[in-house]
Every structure is written in structure tokens, then in C-alpha cells.
Amino acid sequence: MMNKYFDKYFRFSEFDSPDAPGSGEIHMDKDFLNQLATARHYAKRPFVINSGYRTENHNKTLRSFGYMVSPLSSHMKGLAADIQVMNDMERHRILAALLKAGFRRIGIGKYFIHVDADTTKNQDLIWTYYKM
């Protein structure tokens, strides 16, 4: 069941793998999406989703283009999303909201923030995808 914020801020299609229409609703973890919607509410700004669910094939395609994509990506489990970030002020606001919502795994890129709720991986981490 989706919380009161999800329908206000998101559509399942935003989380679709590009090669699998409808996959966001089918494969994204609903608890993760509810937590993300809560973070969006705290941030008081839109979250543009660059990447949600990924099929194994799409994940391999990203790797073949040189993106820093794990072969064990939490995106393939429906437990991750990448949120677009355009400047440092947005980055701070989104990061603060994700932490307030209880996320414990966050990756910071130049133009995105990765967040996941994959409990099979180390917790309480914030990492970067670029040299700061």
C-alpha cells in the first residue's frame, strides 16, 4: 500500500527501466517508494528520477557505456533510485531530506544522488562517485 505522499509526488512510470515499460510498478519495492515519497515531502522540492528499476540487460548496457554501475546494483532489486541534482543547494536539501526520512545508504554524484534501502549491503554509508 502506498502512503499519502506517493501519489502526490510520483508516478510509478518514473521508476520504469527504459527497456521495460510498467516495470516500476511491478518491481519497485513499495516500502522503499513510500520512504522516498516521505523524503520528497521533507525536501519541499521535486525529485526528478534519473533511474529507478533496472533490468539486468539495462544495467549491463549502462556498464558497457562506462557508467559506474555495479553488477549487483540495488536498482535491479527495485530498492534504489537516482535523483537528479543541478546545484549544491539542491544537493544539500535532498541529502538532508533523505537522512531525515531514515535512508542509510546514499551515493553522491556530480548531477545525481543515489539512494537505496538494500539491507544486504553495508549500512550507514555516504559515498561519492567523483573526486570532490
N, C-alpha and C. Protein backbone atom coordinates (compact mmCIF):
# COMPACT_ATOMS: atom_id res chain seq x y z
N MET A 1 0.84 -1.18 0.00
CA MET A 1 0.00 0.00 0.00
C MET A 1 0.89 1.25 0.00
N MET A 2 0.50 2.21 -0.80
CA MET A 2 1.31 3.41 -0.92
C MET A 2 0.86 4.45 0.10
N ASN A 3 1.82 5.21 0.63
CA ASN A 3 1.48 6.22 1.63
C ASN A 3 0.86 7.46 0.97
N LYS A 4 0.42 8.40 1.78
CA LYS A 4 -0.30 9.57 1.27
C LYS A 4 0.56 10.47 0.40
N TYR A 5 1.87 10.35 0.49
CA TYR A 5 2.75 11.22 -0.29
C TYR A 5 3.07 10.68 -1.68
N PHE A 6 3.04 9.36 -1.84
CA PHE A 6 3.49 8.80 -3.12
C PHE A 6 2.67 9.34 -4.29
N ASP A 7 1.36 9.22 -4.23
CA ASP A 7 0.52 9.66 -5.34
C ASP A 7 0.61 11.17 -5.57
N LYS A 8 0.93 11.91 -4.54
CA LYS A 8 1.05 13.36 -4.65
C LYS A 8 2.31 13.75 -5.42
N TYR A 9 3.39 12.99 -5.25
CA TYR A 9 4.69 13.39 -5.79
C TYR A 9 5.23 12.55 -6.94
N PHE A 10 4.77 11.32 -7.09
CA PHE A 10 5.37 10.42 -8.08
C PHE A 10 4.31 9.67 -8.89
N ARG A 11 4.80 9.12 -10.01
CA ARG A 11 4.06 8.13 -10.80
C ARG A 11 4.97 6.91 -10.90
N PHE A 12 4.38 5.73 -10.89
CA PHE A 12 5.20 4.51 -10.99
C PHE A 12 6.07 4.53 -12.24
N SER A 13 5.57 5.10 -13.32
CA SER A 13 6.30 5.10 -14.59
C SER A 13 7.65 5.83 -14.49
N GLU A 14 7.80 6.73 -13.53
CA GLU A 14 9.08 7.42 -13.34
C GLU A 14 10.19 6.45 -12.94
N PHE A 15 9.80 5.28 -12.46
CA PHE A 15 10.75 4.29 -11.96
C PHE A 15 10.93 3.12 -12.93
N ASP A 16 10.32 3.19 -14.12
CA ASP A 16 10.44 2.13 -15.11
C ASP A 16 11.86 2.02 -15.65
N SER A 17 12.32 0.79 -15.88
CA SER A 17 13.54 0.59 -16.64
C SER A 17 13.23 1.00 -18.08
N PRO A 18 14.14 1.70 -18.76
CA PRO A 18 13.84 2.16 -20.12
C PRO A 18 13.47 1.05 -21.10
N ASP A 19 13.92 -0.16 -20.83
CA ASP A 19 13.63 -1.28 -21.72
C ASP A 19 12.46 -2.14 -21.24
N ALA A 20 11.72 -1.67 -20.23
CA ALA A 20 10.62 -2.48 -19.68
C ALA A 20 9.50 -1.57 -19.16
N PRO A 21 8.66 -1.05 -20.06
CA PRO A 21 7.54 -0.22 -19.61
C PRO A 21 6.68 -0.95 -18.58
N GLY A 22 6.28 -0.23 -17.54
CA GLY A 22 5.46 -0.82 -16.48
C GLY A 22 6.26 -1.49 -15.38
N SER A 23 7.57 -1.55 -15.54
CA SER A 23 8.40 -2.29 -14.58
C SER A 23 8.52 -1.57 -13.23
N GLY A 24 8.34 -0.27 -13.21
CA GLY A 24 8.41 0.46 -11.95
C GLY A 24 7.35 0.00 -10.97
N GLU A 25 6.14 -0.10 -11.45
CA GLU A 25 5.04 -0.53 -10.57
C GLU A 25 5.18 -1.99 -10.17
N ILE A 26 5.68 -2.80 -11.07
CA ILE A 26 5.79 -4.23 -10.81
C ILE A 26 6.97 -4.55 -9.87
N HIS A 27 8.12 -3.92 -10.13
CA HIS A 27 9.35 -4.35 -9.47
C HIS A 27 9.88 -3.46 -8.35
N MET A 28 9.44 -2.20 -8.29
CA MET A 28 9.97 -1.33 -7.22
C MET A 28 9.36 -1.73 -5.88
N ASP A 29 10.20 -1.78 -4.88
CA ASP A 29 9.78 -2.10 -3.52
C ASP A 29 8.89 -0.98 -2.98
N LYS A 30 7.69 -1.32 -2.55
CA LYS A 30 6.72 -0.29 -2.11
C LYS A 30 7.17 0.42 -0.84
N ASP A 31 7.83 -0.27 0.08
CA ASP A 31 8.33 0.39 1.29
C ASP A 31 9.40 1.42 0.92
N PHE A 32 10.28 1.05 -0.01
CA PHE A 32 11.29 1.99 -0.48
C PHE A 32 10.63 3.23 -1.09
N LEU A 33 9.64 3.01 -1.95
CA LEU A 33 8.96 4.14 -2.59
C LEU A 33 8.25 5.03 -1.58
N ASN A 34 7.65 4.43 -0.57
CA ASN A 34 6.99 5.23 0.47
C ASN A 34 8.00 6.07 1.23
N GLN A 35 9.15 5.48 1.54
CA GLN A 35 10.20 6.22 2.25
C GLN A 35 10.72 7.36 1.37
N LEU A 36 10.88 7.10 0.08
CA LEU A 36 11.34 8.13 -0.85
C LEU A 36 10.31 9.26 -0.97
N ALA A 37 9.04 8.91 -1.01
CA ALA A 37 7.98 9.92 -1.07
C ALA A 37 7.98 10.78 0.20
N THR A 38 8.24 10.16 1.33
CA THR A 38 8.35 10.92 2.58
C THR A 38 9.52 11.90 2.51
N ALA A 39 10.65 11.43 1.99
CA ALA A 39 11.81 12.32 1.82
C ALA A 39 11.47 13.47 0.88
N ARG A 40 10.76 13.17 -0.19
CA ARG A 40 10.35 14.22 -1.13
C ARG A 40 9.49 15.26 -0.41
N HIS A 41 8.60 14.82 0.46
CA HIS A 41 7.76 15.73 1.25
C HIS A 41 8.63 16.62 2.14
N TYR A 42 9.61 16.04 2.78
CA TYR A 42 10.51 16.81 3.65
C TYR A 42 11.32 17.84 2.85
N ALA A 43 11.74 17.47 1.64
CA ALA A 43 12.59 18.34 0.83
C ALA A 43 11.83 19.57 0.31
N LYS A 44 10.52 19.44 0.15
CA LYS A 44 9.71 20.54 -0.37
C LYS A 44 10.23 21.02 -1.74
N ARG A 45 10.66 20.05 -2.54
CA ARG A 45 11.07 20.33 -3.92
C ARG A 45 10.92 19.04 -4.72
N PRO A 46 10.69 19.15 -6.02
CA PRO A 46 10.53 17.94 -6.83
C PRO A 46 11.77 17.06 -6.82
N PHE A 47 11.55 15.77 -6.91
CA PHE A 47 12.63 14.81 -7.13
C PHE A 47 12.46 14.31 -8.57
N VAL A 48 13.41 14.62 -9.42
CA VAL A 48 13.42 14.09 -10.78
C VAL A 48 14.20 12.78 -10.73
N ILE A 49 13.55 11.70 -11.09
CA ILE A 49 14.16 10.37 -11.01
C ILE A 49 14.90 10.07 -12.32
N ASN A 50 16.22 9.96 -12.23
CA ASN A 50 17.04 9.60 -13.39
C ASN A 50 17.01 8.10 -13.65
N SER A 51 16.93 7.33 -12.59
CA SER A 51 16.96 5.88 -12.71
C SER A 51 16.27 5.27 -11.50
N GLY A 52 15.37 4.34 -11.77
CA GLY A 52 14.69 3.59 -10.72
C GLY A 52 15.02 2.12 -10.90
N TYR A 53 14.00 1.33 -11.25
CA TYR A 53 14.24 -0.08 -11.51
C TYR A 53 15.08 -0.24 -12.77
N ARG A 54 15.98 -1.22 -12.76
CA ARG A 54 16.75 -1.57 -13.95
C ARG A 54 16.67 -3.06 -14.19
N THR A 55 16.39 -3.42 -15.43
CA THR A 55 16.52 -4.83 -15.80
C THR A 55 18.01 -5.17 -15.82
N GLU A 56 18.30 -6.44 -15.76
CA GLU A 56 19.71 -6.87 -15.83
C GLU A 56 20.32 -6.40 -17.15
N ASN A 57 19.55 -6.47 -18.23
CA ASN A 57 20.04 -6.06 -19.54
C ASN A 57 20.36 -4.56 -19.57
N HIS A 58 19.48 -3.75 -19.01
CA HIS A 58 19.74 -2.30 -18.99
C HIS A 58 20.95 -1.98 -18.11
N ASN A 59 21.09 -2.68 -17.01
CA ASN A 59 22.24 -2.47 -16.13
C ASN A 59 23.53 -2.79 -16.89
N LYS A 60 23.54 -3.89 -17.65
CA LYS A 60 24.71 -4.26 -18.44
C LYS A 60 24.99 -3.21 -19.51
N THR A 61 23.94 -2.68 -20.12
CA THR A 61 24.11 -1.64 -21.14
C THR A 61 24.79 -0.41 -20.55
N LEU A 62 24.36 0.01 -19.38
CA LEU A 62 24.97 1.17 -18.73
C LEU A 62 26.46 0.91 -18.46
N ARG A 63 26.77 -0.30 -18.00
CA ARG A 63 28.17 -0.66 -17.74
C ARG A 63 28.98 -0.61 -19.03
N SER A 64 28.39 -1.07 -20.13
CA SER A 64 29.12 -1.09 -21.41
C SER A 64 29.42 0.32 -21.91
N PHE A 65 28.62 1.31 -21.47
CA PHE A 65 28.87 2.70 -21.85
C PHE A 65 29.82 3.40 -20.87
N GLY A 66 30.33 2.66 -19.88
CA GLY A 66 31.32 3.20 -18.97
C GLY A 66 30.79 3.83 -17.71
N TYR A 67 29.49 3.71 -17.47
CA TYR A 67 28.95 4.26 -16.22
C TYR A 67 29.39 3.41 -15.04
N MET A 68 29.57 4.05 -13.88
CA MET A 68 29.96 3.34 -12.66
C MET A 68 28.73 2.61 -12.11
N VAL A 69 28.45 1.45 -12.66
CA VAL A 69 27.26 0.68 -12.32
C VAL A 69 27.69 -0.68 -11.80
N SER A 70 27.22 -1.02 -10.62
CA SER A 70 27.58 -2.31 -10.03
C SER A 70 26.83 -3.45 -10.72
N PRO A 71 27.50 -4.57 -10.96
CA PRO A 71 26.79 -5.73 -11.50
C PRO A 71 25.79 -6.29 -10.49
N LEU A 72 25.90 -5.87 -9.23
CA LEU A 72 24.96 -6.28 -8.18
C LEU A 72 24.08 -5.09 -7.75
N SER A 73 23.80 -4.21 -8.67
CA SER A 73 23.08 -2.97 -8.39
C SER A 73 21.75 -3.20 -7.67
N SER A 74 21.53 -2.38 -6.66
CA SER A 74 20.25 -2.43 -5.93
C SER A 74 19.09 -1.96 -6.80
N HIS A 75 19.38 -1.28 -7.90
CA HIS A 75 18.34 -0.89 -8.85
C HIS A 75 17.64 -2.13 -9.40
N MET A 76 18.40 -3.21 -9.61
CA MET A 76 17.82 -4.43 -10.17
C MET A 76 16.91 -5.15 -9.17
N LYS A 77 16.99 -4.77 -7.91
CA LYS A 77 16.12 -5.32 -6.87
C LYS A 77 14.91 -4.42 -6.61
N GLY A 78 14.86 -3.26 -7.26
CA GLY A 78 13.78 -2.31 -7.01
C GLY A 78 13.94 -1.58 -5.69
N LEU A 79 15.18 -1.49 -5.23
CA LEU A 79 15.47 -0.88 -3.93
C LEU A 79 16.30 0.38 -4.03
N ALA A 80 16.37 0.99 -5.22
CA ALA A 80 17.24 2.16 -5.40
C ALA A 80 16.65 3.14 -6.41
N ALA A 81 17.09 4.38 -6.26
CA ALA A 81 16.73 5.42 -7.23
C ALA A 81 17.87 6.42 -7.29
N ASP A 82 18.04 7.02 -8.46
CA ASP A 82 18.96 8.13 -8.64
C ASP A 82 18.13 9.38 -8.87
N ILE A 83 18.39 10.40 -8.07
CA ILE A 83 17.64 11.66 -8.11
C ILE A 83 18.52 12.73 -8.74
N GLN A 84 17.99 13.41 -9.73
CA GLN A 84 18.74 14.48 -10.40
C GLN A 84 19.05 15.63 -9.45
N VAL A 85 20.28 16.15 -9.56
CA VAL A 85 20.71 17.30 -8.76
C VAL A 85 21.44 18.26 -9.69
N MET A 86 21.07 19.53 -9.63
CA MET A 86 21.67 20.50 -10.54
C MET A 86 22.64 21.48 -9.86
N ASN A 87 22.58 21.59 -8.52
CA ASN A 87 23.48 22.52 -7.85
C ASN A 87 23.67 22.11 -6.39
N ASP A 88 24.57 22.78 -5.72
CA ASP A 88 24.92 22.42 -4.34
C ASP A 88 23.78 22.64 -3.36
N MET A 89 22.97 23.68 -3.59
CA MET A 89 21.84 23.94 -2.70
C MET A 89 20.81 22.81 -2.79
N GLU A 90 20.51 22.35 -4.01
CA GLU A 90 19.60 21.20 -4.18
C GLU A 90 20.18 19.95 -3.52
N ARG A 91 21.48 19.75 -3.72
CA ARG A 91 22.15 18.56 -3.16
C ARG A 91 21.98 18.54 -1.64
N HIS A 92 22.18 19.66 -0.99
CA HIS A 92 22.04 19.74 0.45
C HIS A 92 20.60 19.46 0.87
N ARG A 93 19.66 20.07 0.20
CA ARG A 93 18.25 19.91 0.57
C ARG A 93 17.79 18.46 0.41
N ILE A 94 18.19 17.83 -0.69
CA ILE A 94 17.80 16.44 -0.93
C ILE A 94 18.48 15.52 0.07
N LEU A 95 19.77 15.71 0.28
CA LEU A 95 20.51 14.87 1.23
C LEU A 95 19.91 14.98 2.63
N ALA A 96 19.61 16.18 3.08
CA ALA A 96 19.01 16.37 4.41
C ALA A 96 17.66 15.65 4.50
N ALA A 97 16.86 15.72 3.45
CA ALA A 97 15.54 15.08 3.46
C ALA A 97 15.67 13.55 3.46
N LEU A 98 16.62 13.02 2.70
CA LEU A 98 16.82 11.57 2.68
C LEU A 98 17.25 11.05 4.04
N LEU A 99 18.15 11.77 4.69
CA LEU A 99 18.59 11.37 6.03
C LEU A 99 17.44 11.47 7.03
N LYS A 100 16.65 12.53 6.96
CA LYS A 100 15.51 12.71 7.86
C LYS A 100 14.49 11.59 7.67
N ALA A 101 14.34 11.12 6.43
CA ALA A 101 13.39 10.03 6.14
C ALA A 101 13.93 8.67 6.56
N GLY A 102 15.20 8.61 6.98
CA GLY A 102 15.75 7.37 7.51
C GLY A 102 16.59 6.55 6.55
N PHE A 103 16.94 7.10 5.39
CA PHE A 103 17.81 6.34 4.48
C PHE A 103 19.21 6.24 5.05
N ARG A 104 19.83 5.07 4.82
CA ARG A 104 21.13 4.78 5.42
C ARG A 104 22.20 4.46 4.39
N ARG A 105 21.86 4.57 3.09
CA ARG A 105 22.83 4.31 2.01
C ARG A 105 22.62 5.36 0.92
N ILE A 106 23.60 6.25 0.78
CA ILE A 106 23.47 7.37 -0.14
C ILE A 106 24.79 7.56 -0.88
N GLY A 107 24.69 7.69 -2.21
CA GLY A 107 25.85 7.98 -3.04
C GLY A 107 25.66 9.33 -3.70
N ILE A 108 26.71 10.13 -3.70
CA ILE A 108 26.61 11.49 -4.24
C ILE A 108 27.45 11.60 -5.51
N GLY A 109 26.76 11.94 -6.60
CA GLY A 109 27.43 12.20 -7.87
C GLY A 109 27.36 13.68 -8.19
N LYS A 110 27.99 14.06 -9.27
CA LYS A 110 28.01 15.47 -9.66
C LYS A 110 26.61 15.97 -10.00
N TYR A 111 25.82 15.14 -10.68
CA TYR A 111 24.49 15.56 -11.12
C TYR A 111 23.37 14.64 -10.62
N PHE A 112 23.66 13.82 -9.63
CA PHE A 112 22.61 12.94 -9.09
C PHE A 112 22.97 12.52 -7.66
N ILE A 113 21.95 12.08 -6.95
CA ILE A 113 22.13 11.42 -5.66
C ILE A 113 21.49 10.04 -5.78
N HIS A 114 22.27 9.03 -5.49
CA HIS A 114 21.78 7.65 -5.44
C HIS A 114 21.32 7.39 -4.01
N VAL A 115 20.17 6.75 -3.88
CA VAL A 115 19.70 6.34 -2.56
C VAL A 115 19.16 4.92 -2.69
N ASP A 116 19.46 4.09 -1.71
CA ASP A 116 18.89 2.74 -1.73
C ASP A 116 18.59 2.27 -0.32
N ALA A 117 17.79 1.23 -0.26
CA ALA A 117 17.39 0.63 1.01
C ALA A 117 17.70 -0.86 0.99
N ASP A 118 18.85 -1.20 0.45
CA ASP A 118 19.27 -2.58 0.30
C ASP A 118 19.95 -3.05 1.59
N THR A 119 19.24 -3.80 2.40
CA THR A 119 19.77 -4.23 3.71
C THR A 119 20.78 -5.37 3.58
N THR A 120 20.99 -5.89 2.36
CA THR A 120 22.02 -6.92 2.18
C THR A 120 23.41 -6.29 2.01
N LYS A 121 23.46 -4.97 1.96
CA LYS A 121 24.72 -4.26 1.80
C LYS A 121 25.03 -3.46 3.05
N ASN A 122 26.29 -3.01 3.19
CA ASN A 122 26.69 -2.22 4.36
C ASN A 122 25.77 -1.02 4.54
N GLN A 123 25.48 -0.71 5.79
CA GLN A 123 24.58 0.39 6.13
C GLN A 123 25.37 1.59 6.65
N ASP A 124 24.68 2.70 6.79
CA ASP A 124 25.25 3.94 7.33
C ASP A 124 26.46 4.39 6.53
N LEU A 125 26.25 4.51 5.20
CA LEU A 125 27.30 4.93 4.29
C LEU A 125 26.84 6.11 3.45
N ILE A 126 27.74 7.04 3.23
CA ILE A 126 27.58 8.07 2.21
C ILE A 126 28.87 8.05 1.41
N TRP A 127 28.76 7.85 0.11
CA TRP A 127 29.94 7.78 -0.75
C TRP A 127 29.80 8.75 -1.92
N THR A 128 30.90 8.97 -2.63
CA THR A 128 30.86 9.82 -3.80
C THR A 128 31.23 9.03 -5.05
N TYR A 129 30.76 9.54 -6.18
CA TYR A 129 31.07 8.94 -7.48
C TYR A 129 32.09 9.78 -8.24
N TYR A 130 32.58 10.82 -7.62
CA TYR A 130 33.53 11.69 -8.29
C TYR A 130 34.49 12.26 -7.25
N LYS A 131 35.59 12.78 -7.72
CA LYS A 131 36.55 13.41 -6.81
C LYS A 131 36.01 14.77 -6.40
N MET A 132 36.04 15.01 -5.10
CA MET A 132 35.49 16.27 -4.59
C MET A 132 36.57 17.33 -4.50
